[in-house]
């Protein structure tokens, strides 16, 4: 894995939330274990999505759903 992964705000937020949910959190110096992160039982995907949105500074309201297909196509065309 790239060195920048360890300092990624998104990865850090995900690991913190997984730890809060009892999933183990940050691996002890083994970044390679993140490629096959073990999940025990169930996880709260809504909570994970929220921490990722917060880490990247996203608005939690889905503004894309409010756009028409023409607006979305125009945005994709640059």
C-alpha atoms as a PDB file:
ATOM      1  CA  UNK A   1       0.000   0.000   0.000  1.00  0.00           C
ATOM      2  CA  UNK A   2       1.070   3.541  -0.568  1.00  0.00           C
ATOM      3  CA  UNK A   3       2.587   5.490   2.302  1.00  0.00           C
ATOM      4  CA  UNK A   4      -0.143   8.123   1.982  1.00  0.00           C
ATOM      5  CA  UNK A   5      -2.793   5.586   2.905  1.00  0.00           C
ATOM      6  CA  UNK A   6      -1.794   5.689   6.558  1.00  0.00           C
ATOM      7  CA  UNK A   7      -2.536   9.408   6.720  1.00  0.00           C
ATOM      8  CA  UNK A   8      -5.701   9.364   4.620  1.00  0.00           C
ATOM      9  CA  UNK A   9      -8.507  11.138   6.495  1.00  0.00           C
ATOM     10  CA  UNK A  10     -11.054   8.791   4.900  1.00  0.00           C
ATOM     11  CA  UNK A  11      -9.179   5.635   5.892  1.00  0.00           C
ATOM     12  CA  UNK A  12      -8.584   6.988   9.373  1.00  0.00           C
ATOM     13  CA  UNK A  13     -12.279   7.846   9.766  1.00  0.00           C
ATOM     14  CA  UNK A  14     -13.301   4.384   8.556  1.00  0.00           C
ATOM     15  CA  UNK A  15     -10.913   2.636  10.931  1.00  0.00           C
ATOM     16  CA  UNK A  16     -12.008   4.810  13.854  1.00  0.00           C
ATOM     17  CA  UNK A  17     -15.674   4.038  13.171  1.00  0.00           C
ATOM     18  CA  UNK A  18     -14.999   0.323  12.718  1.00  0.00           C
ATOM     19  CA  UNK A  19     -13.144   0.370  16.029  1.00  0.00           C
ATOM     20  CA  UNK A  20     -16.092   2.142  17.674  1.00  0.00           C
ATOM     21  CA  UNK A  21     -18.302  -0.657  16.339  1.00  0.00           C
ATOM     22  CA  UNK A  22     -16.030  -3.289  17.910  1.00  0.00           C
ATOM     23  CA  UNK A  23     -14.324  -4.366  14.694  1.00  0.00           C
ATOM     24  CA  UNK A  24     -10.715  -3.959  15.800  1.00  0.00           C
ATOM     25  CA  UNK A  25      -9.831  -0.572  14.371  1.00  0.00           C
ATOM     26  CA  UNK A  26      -6.266   0.277  13.359  1.00  0.00           C
ATOM     27  CA  UNK A  27      -3.984  -2.686  12.633  1.00  0.00           C
ATOM     28  CA  UNK A  28      -0.771  -2.770  14.667  1.00  0.00           C
ATOM     29  CA  UNK A  29       1.721  -1.509  12.102  1.00  0.00           C
ATOM     30  CA  UNK A  30       0.498  -3.872   9.395  1.00  0.00           C
ATOM     31  CA  UNK A  31      -0.939  -1.724   6.609  1.00  0.00           C
ATOM     32  CA  UNK A  32      -1.195  -4.822   4.386  1.00  0.00           C
ATOM     33  CA  UNK A  33      -3.948  -6.193   6.602  1.00  0.00           C
ATOM     34  CA  UNK A  34      -6.213  -3.386   5.389  1.00  0.00           C
ATOM     35  CA  UNK A  35      -6.584  -5.144   2.022  1.00  0.00           C
ATOM     36  CA  UNK A  36      -8.465  -7.972   3.750  1.00  0.00           C
ATOM     37  CA  UNK A  37      -9.962  -6.303   6.822  1.00  0.00           C
ATOM     38  CA  UNK A  38     -11.919  -8.886   8.844  1.00  0.00           C
ATOM     39  CA  UNK A  39     -15.481  -7.997   9.834  1.00  0.00           C
ATOM     40  CA  UNK A  40     -17.101  -9.758  12.774  1.00  0.00           C
ATOM     41  CA  UNK A  41     -20.890  -9.873  12.912  1.00  0.00           C
ATOM     42  CA  UNK A  42     -22.572  -6.816  11.456  1.00  0.00           C
ATOM     43  CA  UNK A  43     -21.500  -3.255  10.746  1.00  0.00           C
ATOM     44  CA  UNK A  44     -23.480  -0.024  10.543  1.00  0.00           C
ATOM     45  CA  UNK A  45     -22.958   1.100   6.948  1.00  0.00           C
ATOM     46  CA  UNK A  46     -24.866   4.330   7.553  1.00  0.00           C
ATOM     47  CA  UNK A  47     -22.401   5.294  10.260  1.00  0.00           C
ATOM     48  CA  UNK A  48     -19.498   4.374   7.972  1.00  0.00           C
ATOM     49  CA  UNK A  49     -20.935   6.482   5.155  1.00  0.00           C
ATOM     50  CA  UNK A  50     -21.394   9.418   7.516  1.00  0.00           C
ATOM     51  CA  UNK A  51     -17.800   9.353   8.750  1.00  0.00           C
ATOM     52  CA  UNK A  52     -16.512   9.158   5.166  1.00  0.00           C
ATOM     53  CA  UNK A  53     -18.708  12.077   4.100  1.00  0.00           C
ATOM     54  CA  UNK A  54     -17.472  14.073   7.078  1.00  0.00           C
ATOM     55  CA  UNK A  55     -13.842  13.160   6.348  1.00  0.00           C
ATOM     56  CA  UNK A  56     -14.057  14.463   2.789  1.00  0.00           C
ATOM     57  CA  UNK A  57     -16.174  17.461   3.763  1.00  0.00           C
ATOM     58  CA  UNK A  58     -19.206  16.282   1.828  1.00  0.00           C
ATOM     59  CA  UNK A  59     -22.710  17.543   2.402  1.00  0.00           C
ATOM     60  CA  UNK A  60     -24.748  14.652   3.766  1.00  0.00           C
ATOM     61  CA  UNK A  61     -27.778  15.672   1.716  1.00  0.00           C
ATOM     62  CA  UNK A  62     -27.627  14.015  -1.685  1.00  0.00           C
ATOM     63  CA  UNK A  63     -27.679  16.946  -4.078  1.00  0.00           C
ATOM     64  CA  UNK A  64     -27.177  14.651  -7.085  1.00  0.00           C
ATOM     65  CA  UNK A  65     -30.685  13.228  -6.604  1.00  0.00           C
ATOM     66  CA  UNK A  66     -32.173  16.701  -7.049  1.00  0.00           C
ATOM     67  CA  UNK A  67     -30.579  17.178 -10.483  1.00  0.00           C
ATOM     68  CA  UNK A  68     -32.240  16.275 -13.764  1.00  0.00           C
ATOM     69  CA  UNK A  69     -30.561  13.757 -16.097  1.00  0.00           C
ATOM     70  CA  UNK A  70     -29.644  16.629 -18.446  1.00  0.00           C
ATOM     71  CA  UNK A  71     -27.910  18.482 -15.593  1.00  0.00           C
ATOM     72  CA  UNK A  72     -26.016  15.349 -14.605  1.00  0.00           C
ATOM     73  CA  UNK A  73     -24.912  14.729 -18.210  1.00  0.00           C
ATOM     74  CA  UNK A  74     -23.771  18.336 -18.581  1.00  0.00           C
ATOM     75  CA  UNK A  75     -21.747  18.059 -15.379  1.00  0.00           C
ATOM     76  CA  UNK A  76     -20.141  14.824 -16.579  1.00  0.00           C
ATOM     77  CA  UNK A  77     -19.233  16.390 -19.933  1.00  0.00           C
ATOM     78  CA  UNK A  78     -17.177  19.025 -18.130  1.00  0.00           C
END
